[in-house]
Amino acid sequence: MNDRSPAQVYALVVGGTLVVAGIIGFFYSTAFDSPGKVKDVFGVLSVNGWHNVVHIVTGALGLVSLAYAAARSYALLLGVVYVVVAVWGFIIGNHESILGFIPVNTEDSVLHVILGVTGLGAYFATPAAPPATTTSIGTAPMQPSP
């Protein structure tokens, strides 16, 4: 992963983790009510069917955004969204629901802060343009063969 930007690493790691988390969440709750049967994954993070779908979709977006500019945009977008969701979750309180159907608890909100801040960090740590490729001193660039 040495040749990947911070945003590309974020998109890959967070995207993959969110997809897996969404799939695991369906083993706990498949309810699509508002908020329906809410279960705590590993006894900690409140989920229902909608919450699981959000994780799978946002994770899949990361996995298809691995190109340099796309990963940087993903890190910014997800960072902002998750910070907003975290603040919203802290405001409405523990064991409530965002938009009336996505359950959150304090642990979810803390995780959302971490995902949001690391996304913003990955965005700002990744230059707008990818670094130029260079050749070693004293070597000529390879010429295409005829």
C-alpha atoms as a PDB file:
ATOM      1  CA  MET A   1       0.000   0.000   0.000  1.00  0.00           C
ATOM      2  CA  ASN A   2       3.048   2.279  -0.181  1.00  0.00           C
ATOM      3  CA  ASP A   3       1.944   3.719  -3.504  1.00  0.00           C
ATOM      4  CA  ARG A   4      -1.574   4.587  -2.306  1.00  0.00           C
ATOM      5  CA  SER A   5      -2.568   8.011  -1.044  1.00  0.00           C
ATOM      6  CA  PRO A   6      -4.089   8.412   2.434  1.00  0.00           C
ATOM      7  CA  ALA A   7      -7.502   8.884   0.802  1.00  0.00           C
ATOM      8  CA  GLN A   8      -7.106   5.669  -1.205  1.00  0.00           C
ATOM      9  CA  VAL A   9      -6.178   3.734   1.934  1.00  0.00           C
ATOM     10  CA  TYR A  10      -9.187   5.265   3.714  1.00  0.00           C
ATOM     11  CA  ALA A  11     -11.541   4.340   0.869  1.00  0.00           C
ATOM     12  CA  LEU A  12     -10.234   0.776   0.784  1.00  0.00           C
ATOM     13  CA  VAL A  13     -10.094   0.100   4.532  1.00  0.00           C
ATOM     14  CA  VAL A  14     -13.211   2.002   5.598  1.00  0.00           C
ATOM     15  CA  GLY A  15     -15.168   0.929   2.525  1.00  0.00           C
ATOM     16  CA  GLY A  16     -14.359  -2.731   3.074  1.00  0.00           C
ATOM     17  CA  THR A  17     -15.036  -2.507   6.797  1.00  0.00           C
ATOM     18  CA  LEU A  18     -18.417  -0.838   6.286  1.00  0.00           C
ATOM     19  CA  VAL A  19     -19.513  -3.494   3.782  1.00  0.00           C
ATOM     20  CA  VAL A  20     -18.535  -6.261   6.204  1.00  0.00           C
ATOM     21  CA  ALA A  21     -20.188  -4.432   9.125  1.00  0.00           C
ATOM     22  CA  GLY A  22     -23.403  -4.062   7.123  1.00  0.00           C
ATOM     23  CA  ILE A  23     -23.442  -7.758   6.276  1.00  0.00           C
ATOM     24  CA  ILE A  24     -22.744  -8.759   9.885  1.00  0.00           C
ATOM     25  CA  GLY A  25     -25.502  -6.388  11.001  1.00  0.00           C
ATOM     26  CA  PHE A  26     -28.072  -8.422   9.076  1.00  0.00           C
ATOM     27  CA  PHE A  27     -27.304 -11.382  11.344  1.00  0.00           C
ATOM     28  CA  TYR A  28     -28.547  -9.203  14.216  1.00  0.00           C
ATOM     29  CA  SER A  29     -31.493  -7.340  12.693  1.00  0.00           C
ATOM     30  CA  THR A  30     -33.226  -7.471   9.330  1.00  0.00           C
ATOM     31  CA  ALA A  31     -36.139  -5.236  10.376  1.00  0.00           C
ATOM     32  CA  PHE A  32     -37.002  -2.355   8.061  1.00  0.00           C
ATOM     33  CA  ASP A  33     -39.595  -0.781  10.360  1.00  0.00           C
ATOM     34  CA  SER A  34     -39.091   2.646  11.857  1.00  0.00           C
ATOM     35  CA  PRO A  35     -36.772   1.892  13.605  1.00  0.00           C
ATOM     36  CA  GLY A  36     -38.097  -1.666  13.970  1.00  0.00           C
ATOM     37  CA  LYS A  37     -36.324  -4.403  15.851  1.00  0.00           C
ATOM     38  CA  VAL A  38     -33.089  -2.803  16.907  1.00  0.00           C
ATOM     39  CA  LYS A  39     -30.294  -5.099  17.986  1.00  0.00           C
ATOM     40  CA  ASP A  40     -26.819  -4.263  19.215  1.00  0.00           C
ATOM     41  CA  VAL A  41     -24.020  -5.763  17.121  1.00  0.00           C
ATOM     42  CA  PHE A  42     -21.516  -7.313  19.528  1.00  0.00           C
ATOM     43  CA  GLY A  43     -23.674  -5.815  22.288  1.00  0.00           C
ATOM     44  CA  VAL A  44     -22.514  -2.308  21.385  1.00  0.00           C
ATOM     45  CA  LEU A  45     -23.668  -0.765  18.065  1.00  0.00           C
ATOM     46  CA  SER A  46     -27.418  -0.422  17.453  1.00  0.00           C
ATOM     47  CA  VAL A  47     -28.551  -1.543  13.996  1.00  0.00           C
ATOM     48  CA  ASN A  48     -31.623  -2.410  11.974  1.00  0.00           C
ATOM     49  CA  GLY A  49     -32.061  -3.264   8.299  1.00  0.00           C
ATOM     50  CA  TRP A  50     -31.824   0.376   7.188  1.00  0.00           C
ATOM     51  CA  HIS A  51     -28.655   0.996   9.180  1.00  0.00           C
ATOM     52  CA  ASN A  52     -27.113  -2.119   7.618  1.00  0.00           C
ATOM     53  CA  VAL A  53     -28.021  -0.947   4.100  1.00  0.00           C
ATOM     54  CA  VAL A  54     -26.448   2.464   4.780  1.00  0.00           C
ATOM     55  CA  HIS A  55     -23.219   0.743   5.843  1.00  0.00           C
ATOM     56  CA  ILE A  56     -23.170  -1.512   2.785  1.00  0.00           C
ATOM     57  CA  VAL A  57     -23.893   1.342   0.353  1.00  0.00           C
ATOM     58  CA  THR A  58     -21.384   3.793   1.858  1.00  0.00           C
ATOM     59  CA  GLY A  59     -18.788   1.019   2.038  1.00  0.00           C
ATOM     60  CA  ALA A  60     -19.393  -0.049  -1.562  1.00  0.00           C
ATOM     61  CA  LEU A  61     -18.976   3.583  -2.657  1.00  0.00           C
ATOM     62  CA  GLY A  62     -15.532   3.513  -1.069  1.00  0.00           C
ATOM     63  CA  LEU A  63     -14.599   0.297  -2.817  1.00  0.00           C
ATOM     64  CA  VAL A  64     -15.529   1.721  -6.224  1.00  0.00           C
ATOM     65  CA  SER A  65     -13.737   5.013  -5.433  1.00  0.00           C
ATOM     66  CA  LEU A  66     -10.177   3.748  -5.289  1.00  0.00           C
ATOM     67  CA  ALA A  67      -8.823   5.970  -8.074  1.00  0.00           C
ATOM     68  CA  TYR A  68      -6.816   8.922  -6.755  1.00  0.00           C
ATOM     69  CA  ALA A  69      -9.341  11.757  -7.230  1.00  0.00           C
ATOM     70  CA  ALA A  70     -12.378   9.589  -6.484  1.00  0.00           C
ATOM     71  CA  ALA A  71     -10.869   8.377  -3.203  1.00  0.00           C
ATOM     72  CA  ARG A  72     -10.097  11.955  -2.180  1.00  0.00           C
ATOM     73  CA  SER A  73     -13.699  12.995  -2.914  1.00  0.00           C
ATOM     74  CA  TYR A  74     -15.012   9.938  -1.048  1.00  0.00           C
ATOM     75  CA  ALA A  75     -12.889  10.752   2.022  1.00  0.00           C
ATOM     76  CA  LEU A  76     -14.187  14.330   2.047  1.00  0.00           C
ATOM     77  CA  LEU A  77     -17.827  13.412   1.450  1.00  0.00           C
ATOM     78  CA  LEU A  78     -17.897  10.544   3.933  1.00  0.00           C
ATOM     79  CA  GLY A  79     -15.917  12.595   6.448  1.00  0.00           C
ATOM     80  CA  VAL A  80     -18.401  15.466   6.338  1.00  0.00           C
ATOM     81  CA  VAL A  81     -21.446  13.176   6.354  1.00  0.00           C
ATOM     82  CA  TYR A  82     -20.227  11.102   9.286  1.00  0.00           C
ATOM     83  CA  VAL A  83     -19.295  14.181  11.351  1.00  0.00           C
ATOM     84  CA  VAL A  84     -22.790  15.592  10.720  1.00  0.00           C
ATOM     85  CA  VAL A  85     -24.396  12.243  11.594  1.00  0.00           C
ATOM     86  CA  ALA A  86     -22.291  12.049  14.775  1.00  0.00           C
ATOM     87  CA  VAL A  87     -23.314  15.533  15.898  1.00  0.00           C
ATOM     88  CA  TRP A  88     -26.929  14.715  15.052  1.00  0.00           C
ATOM     89  CA  GLY A  89     -26.678  11.491  17.052  1.00  0.00           C
ATOM     90  CA  PHE A  90     -25.227  13.274  20.073  1.00  0.00           C
ATOM     91  CA  ILE A  91     -27.988  15.897  19.891  1.00  0.00           C
ATOM     92  CA  ILE A  92     -30.906  13.449  19.714  1.00  0.00           C
ATOM     93  CA  GLY A  93     -29.416  11.207  22.367  1.00  0.00           C
ATOM     94  CA  ASN A  94     -28.813   7.570  23.136  1.00  0.00           C
ATOM     95  CA  HIS A  95     -31.137   4.893  21.687  1.00  0.00           C
ATOM     96  CA  GLU A  96     -32.942   7.284  19.350  1.00  0.00           C
ATOM     97  CA  SER A  97     -33.163   7.228  15.558  1.00  0.00           C
ATOM     98  CA  ILE A  98     -31.964   9.505  12.782  1.00  0.00           C
ATOM     99  CA  LEU A  99     -34.700  10.409  10.294  1.00  0.00           C
ATOM    100  CA  GLY A 100     -37.028   8.252  12.386  1.00  0.00           C
ATOM    101  CA  PHE A 101     -35.732   4.919  11.089  1.00  0.00           C
ATOM    102  CA  ILE A 102     -31.929   4.638  11.505  1.00  0.00           C
ATOM    103  CA  PRO A 103     -31.121   3.773  15.130  1.00  0.00           C
ATOM    104  CA  VAL A 104     -28.136   5.317  16.880  1.00  0.00           C
ATOM    105  CA  ASN A 105     -26.642   5.138  20.315  1.00  0.00           C
ATOM    106  CA  THR A 106     -23.705   6.899  21.929  1.00  0.00           C
ATOM    107  CA  GLU A 107     -21.272   4.234  20.747  1.00  0.00           C
ATOM    108  CA  ASP A 108     -22.492   4.678  17.147  1.00  0.00           C
ATOM    109  CA  SER A 109     -21.981   8.424  17.436  1.00  0.00           C
ATOM    110  CA  VAL A 110     -18.430   8.002  18.750  1.00  0.00           C
ATOM    111  CA  LEU A 111     -17.654   5.629  15.867  1.00  0.00           C
ATOM    112  CA  HIS A 112     -19.163   8.148  13.434  1.00  0.00           C
ATOM    113  CA  VAL A 113     -16.869  10.881  14.821  1.00  0.00           C
ATOM    114  CA  ILE A 114     -13.851   8.608  14.315  1.00  0.00           C
ATOM    115  CA  LEU A 115     -14.890   7.725  10.734  1.00  0.00           C
ATOM    116  CA  GLY A 116     -15.634  11.372   9.944  1.00  0.00           C
ATOM    117  CA  VAL A 117     -12.454  12.837  11.383  1.00  0.00           C
ATOM    118  CA  THR A 118     -10.240  10.185   9.781  1.00  0.00           C
ATOM    119  CA  GLY A 119     -12.000  10.785   6.455  1.00  0.00           C
ATOM    120  CA  LEU A 120     -11.334  14.502   6.681  1.00  0.00           C
ATOM    121  CA  GLY A 121      -7.754  13.772   7.735  1.00  0.00           C
ATOM    122  CA  ALA A 122      -7.268  11.477   4.734  1.00  0.00           C
ATOM    123  CA  TYR A 123      -8.713  14.148   2.451  1.00  0.00           C
ATOM    124  CA  PHE A 124      -6.428  16.897   3.744  1.00  0.00           C
ATOM    125  CA  ALA A 125      -3.377  14.577   3.789  1.00  0.00           C
ATOM    126  CA  THR A 126      -3.899  13.767   0.104  1.00  0.00           C
ATOM    127  CA  PRO A 127      -2.732  16.475  -2.324  1.00  0.00           C
ATOM    128  CA  ALA A 128      -5.276  17.576  -4.924  1.00  0.00           C
ATOM    129  CA  ALA A 129      -3.112  16.223  -7.735  1.00  0.00           C
ATOM    130  CA  PRO A 130      -1.274  12.910  -7.627  1.00  0.00           C
ATOM    131  CA  PRO A 131       2.502  13.142  -7.350  1.00  0.00           C
ATOM    132  CA  ALA A 132       4.392  13.105 -10.623  1.00  0.00           C
ATOM    133  CA  THR A 133       6.171   9.907 -11.470  1.00  0.00           C
ATOM    134  CA  THR A 134       9.930  10.197 -11.671  1.00  0.00           C
ATOM    135  CA  THR A 135      12.757   8.116 -12.998  1.00  0.00           C
ATOM    136  CA  SER A 136      16.016   7.454 -11.191  1.00  0.00           C
ATOM    137  CA  ILE A 137      18.869   9.816 -11.898  1.00  0.00           C
ATOM    138  CA  GLY A 138      21.066   8.566 -14.711  1.00  0.00           C
ATOM    139  CA  THR A 139      18.462   6.325 -16.301  1.00  0.00           C
ATOM    140  CA  ALA A 140      16.598   7.140 -19.434  1.00  0.00           C
ATOM    141  CA  PRO A 141      12.867   6.568 -19.620  1.00  0.00           C
ATOM    142  CA  MET A 142      11.927   3.357 -21.373  1.00  0.00           C
ATOM    143  CA  GLN A 143      11.132   3.748 -25.050  1.00  0.00           C
ATOM    144  CA  PRO A 144       8.265   1.788 -26.545  1.00  0.00           C
ATOM    145  CA  SER A 145       9.430  -0.994 -28.792  1.00  0.00           C
ATOM    146  CA  PRO A 146       8.594  -0.687 -32.523  1.00  0.00           C
END
